Amino acid sequence: MYMIMFVLNDSDKLDPILDAWYEIGISGVTIVESTGFFRRQIQRSRLHLTFLVEPISSGEEQGNLTLFTAVDNDDLVQQCLAKTEEVIGDLTGRNTGVFTAWPLAFAKGIRKLSSDEGMRQ
């Protein structure tokens, strides 16, 4: 079993990513709002500047979304990566996302849902 963690830069791509993952059988995904070190440094710099000058933009800085899911094998990890890049594009590009996976030594409480159960939740 493997844990996948995907940090998604563009939150507008969340539903297409989840749909693509669902196509290969991934239905249990935990989604966490997150931010990275670089983005936080920029936010802090802007916060300090607001006391000196008018804010440059009225919109709030948006963070990332981090997706976690456990899959049965490395083949599903590779399929998940391929589906992710179908939606996002090559992850080596700037401002796309970060995809990682690692083996799990232990997992409890993970169960597969039938397609009927998944649609009810």
Protein backbone atom coordinates (compact mmCIF):
# COMPACT_ATOMS: atom_id res chain seq x y z
CA MET A 1 0.00 0.00 0.00
CA TYR A 2 1.19 3.55 -0.82
CA MET A 3 0.30 7.01 0.41
CA ILE A 4 -0.06 9.66 -2.27
CA MET A 5 0.24 13.34 -1.43
CA PHE A 6 -0.50 15.89 -4.11
CA VAL A 7 -0.12 19.62 -3.48
CA LEU A 8 -2.36 21.35 -6.00
CA ASN A 9 -1.49 24.93 -6.87
CA ASP A 10 -4.64 25.80 -8.87
CA SER A 11 -7.78 25.10 -6.82
CA ASP A 12 -9.91 25.39 -9.99
CA LYS A 13 -8.40 22.04 -11.04
CA LEU A 14 -9.63 20.20 -7.91
CA ASP A 15 -12.80 18.69 -9.36
CA PRO A 16 -11.15 17.63 -12.64
CA ILE A 17 -8.37 15.95 -10.59
CA LEU A 18 -10.86 14.15 -8.35
CA ASP A 19 -12.88 13.03 -11.40
CA ALA A 20 -9.73 11.74 -13.12
CA TRP A 21 -8.64 9.86 -9.99
CA TYR A 22 -12.14 8.39 -9.62
CA GLU A 23 -11.89 7.00 -13.17
CA ILE A 24 -9.03 4.73 -12.01
CA GLY A 25 -10.79 3.68 -8.81
CA ILE A 26 -9.59 6.26 -6.29
CA SER A 27 -12.57 7.51 -4.33
CA GLY A 28 -11.24 8.18 -0.84
CA VAL A 29 -9.31 11.45 -0.84
CA THR A 30 -8.64 13.78 2.08
CA ILE A 31 -8.35 17.43 1.04
CA VAL A 32 -6.55 19.95 3.25
CA GLU A 33 -6.09 23.68 2.65
CA SER A 34 -2.38 24.43 2.85
CA THR A 35 0.32 26.94 2.07
CA GLY A 36 4.02 26.65 1.41
CA PHE A 37 7.03 28.46 2.78
CA PHE A 38 7.53 30.71 -0.28
CA ARG A 39 3.86 31.77 -0.41
CA ARG A 40 3.90 32.45 3.34
CA GLN A 41 6.99 34.64 2.98
CA ILE A 42 5.22 36.67 0.28
CA GLN A 43 2.11 37.02 2.47
CA ARG A 44 4.21 38.23 5.40
CA SER A 45 5.99 40.78 3.19
CA ARG A 46 2.68 42.12 1.92
CA LEU A 47 1.28 42.29 5.43
CA HIS A 48 4.19 44.49 6.51
CA LEU A 49 3.71 46.72 3.46
CA THR A 50 0.01 47.32 4.15
CA PHE A 51 0.97 49.61 7.01
CA LEU A 52 3.04 51.75 4.63
CA VAL A 53 1.08 51.82 1.38
CA GLU A 54 -2.29 50.92 -0.05
CA PRO A 55 -2.70 47.18 -0.83
CA ILE A 56 -1.84 46.38 -4.44
CA SER A 57 -4.80 44.04 -4.87
CA SER A 58 -8.04 43.72 -2.99
CA GLY A 59 -8.20 39.94 -3.50
CA GLU A 60 -7.01 37.61 -0.77
CA GLU A 61 -3.97 35.45 -1.50
CA GLN A 62 -5.12 31.91 -2.16
CA GLY A 63 -3.27 28.92 -0.77
CA ASN A 64 -2.87 25.38 -2.05
CA LEU A 65 -4.94 22.28 -1.63
CA THR A 66 -3.16 19.14 -0.46
CA LEU A 67 -4.75 15.82 -1.39
CA PHE A 68 -3.98 12.57 0.44
CA THR A 69 -5.04 9.10 -0.59
CA ALA A 70 -3.87 5.54 0.01
CA VAL A 71 -3.67 3.14 -2.92
CA ASP A 72 -2.99 -0.59 -3.12
CA ASN A 73 0.10 -0.70 -5.33
CA ASP A 74 2.72 1.16 -7.35
CA ASP A 75 0.72 0.65 -10.56
CA LEU A 76 -2.07 2.81 -9.08
CA VAL A 77 0.50 5.41 -8.03
CA GLN A 78 1.72 5.64 -11.64
CA GLN A 79 -1.85 5.76 -13.01
CA CYS A 80 -2.70 8.50 -10.53
CA LEU A 81 0.35 10.50 -11.58
CA ALA A 82 -0.55 10.09 -15.27
CA LYS A 83 -4.15 11.23 -14.64
CA THR A 84 -2.89 14.17 -12.62
CA GLU A 85 -0.61 15.31 -15.43
CA GLU A 86 -3.44 14.88 -17.96
CA VAL A 87 -5.34 17.56 -16.02
CA ILE A 88 -2.50 19.79 -14.78
CA GLY A 89 0.16 19.29 -17.41
CA ASP A 90 3.79 18.39 -16.77
CA LEU A 91 4.44 18.79 -13.05
CA THR A 92 7.98 19.99 -13.72
CA GLY A 93 6.41 23.27 -14.89
CA ARG A 94 6.13 26.26 -12.58
CA ASN A 95 3.08 26.68 -10.35
CA THR A 96 1.60 23.28 -11.14
CA GLY A 97 1.89 21.09 -8.06
CA VAL A 98 3.94 18.50 -6.24
CA PHE A 99 3.14 14.78 -6.45
CA THR A 100 4.76 12.36 -4.00
CA ALA A 101 4.16 8.77 -2.96
CA TRP A 102 5.71 6.48 -0.38
CA PRO A 103 5.10 2.95 0.92
CA LEU A 104 2.96 2.51 4.01
CA ALA A 105 4.15 0.08 6.66
CA PHE A 106 0.72 0.01 8.29
CA ALA A 107 -2.82 1.24 7.63
CA LYS A 108 -6.07 0.61 9.49
CA GLY A 109 -9.52 2.00 8.82
CA ILE A 110 -9.21 2.16 5.05
CA ARG A 111 -11.97 0.40 3.21
CA LYS A 112 -13.05 0.44 -0.37
CA LEU A 113 -16.51 1.75 -1.09
CA SER A 114 -18.79 0.20 -3.64
CA SER A 115 -19.78 2.62 -6.39
CA ASP A 116 -23.24 2.98 -4.80
CA GLU A 117 -21.76 3.95 -1.43
CA GLY A 118 -19.36 6.41 -3.00
CA MET A 119 -22.15 8.24 -4.80
CA ARG A 120 -24.20 8.64 -1.59
CA GLN A 121 -21.45 10.41 0.32
